[in-house]
Amino acid sequence: MDDTFDITYKALFRRYYPNLMFYATRLVGDEEAEDVVQDVFVELWKRRDSMVIGDQIQAFLYRAVYTRALNVLKHRSIENGYCAAVEEINQKRAEFYQPDNNEVIRRIEDRELRNEIYQAINELPDKCKEVFKLSYLHEMKNKEIADVMGVSLRTVEAHMYKALKFLRNRLGHLWFLFLLFFIK
């Protein structure tokens, strides 16, 4: 190791480090400025055997700091772009898997629920189905249904009881939602 270079290196460090720090801080901010300047001096130290320190050392150091700072900025830009993309993907996943926040999923689930309820209604025996539809879908009173169908009020009530019992058994866990769906 050359003692002359060691002394020169220390002198260069003392002389240029504060100004290079100020320059790097303006380029990349406080957090990364010190790393940038230290990297430049480490590289200078690694090349001490092949490096000739001359009149242009100041220009060399500033150019090296500038180049390193640009690399940091490019890397930061890539990281930020990647982070933004990952964040957007995670946001989309969260929206997809949280049906409360996703209108498309909510519509699909509502349609599936309605389909299941209507399928259960269509499985009712014919007279029960007719009474149920007149009551809940056409909002007719039992007396009106009896008159339209030409049966007694008691028969309408029996068909309604049978229909509701069947639907409660058929829909099971959806019974509560069914009630909300058809409550007047």
Foldseek 3Di string as FASTA:
>chain_A
DDVVLVVVLVVCCVVCVVVQLVVLCVLANNPCSVVLLVVLSVVCVVCVVVDDDDDCVVVVSNVSSVVSSVVVVVVVVVVVVVVVVVVVVVVVVVCVPPVVNHPVSVVVVVVVLVVQLVVLLVPQPPVLSQLVCCCQVVVDDLVVSCVVVVHDSVVSVVSPVVSLVSSCVSVPVCNVVVCVVRPD
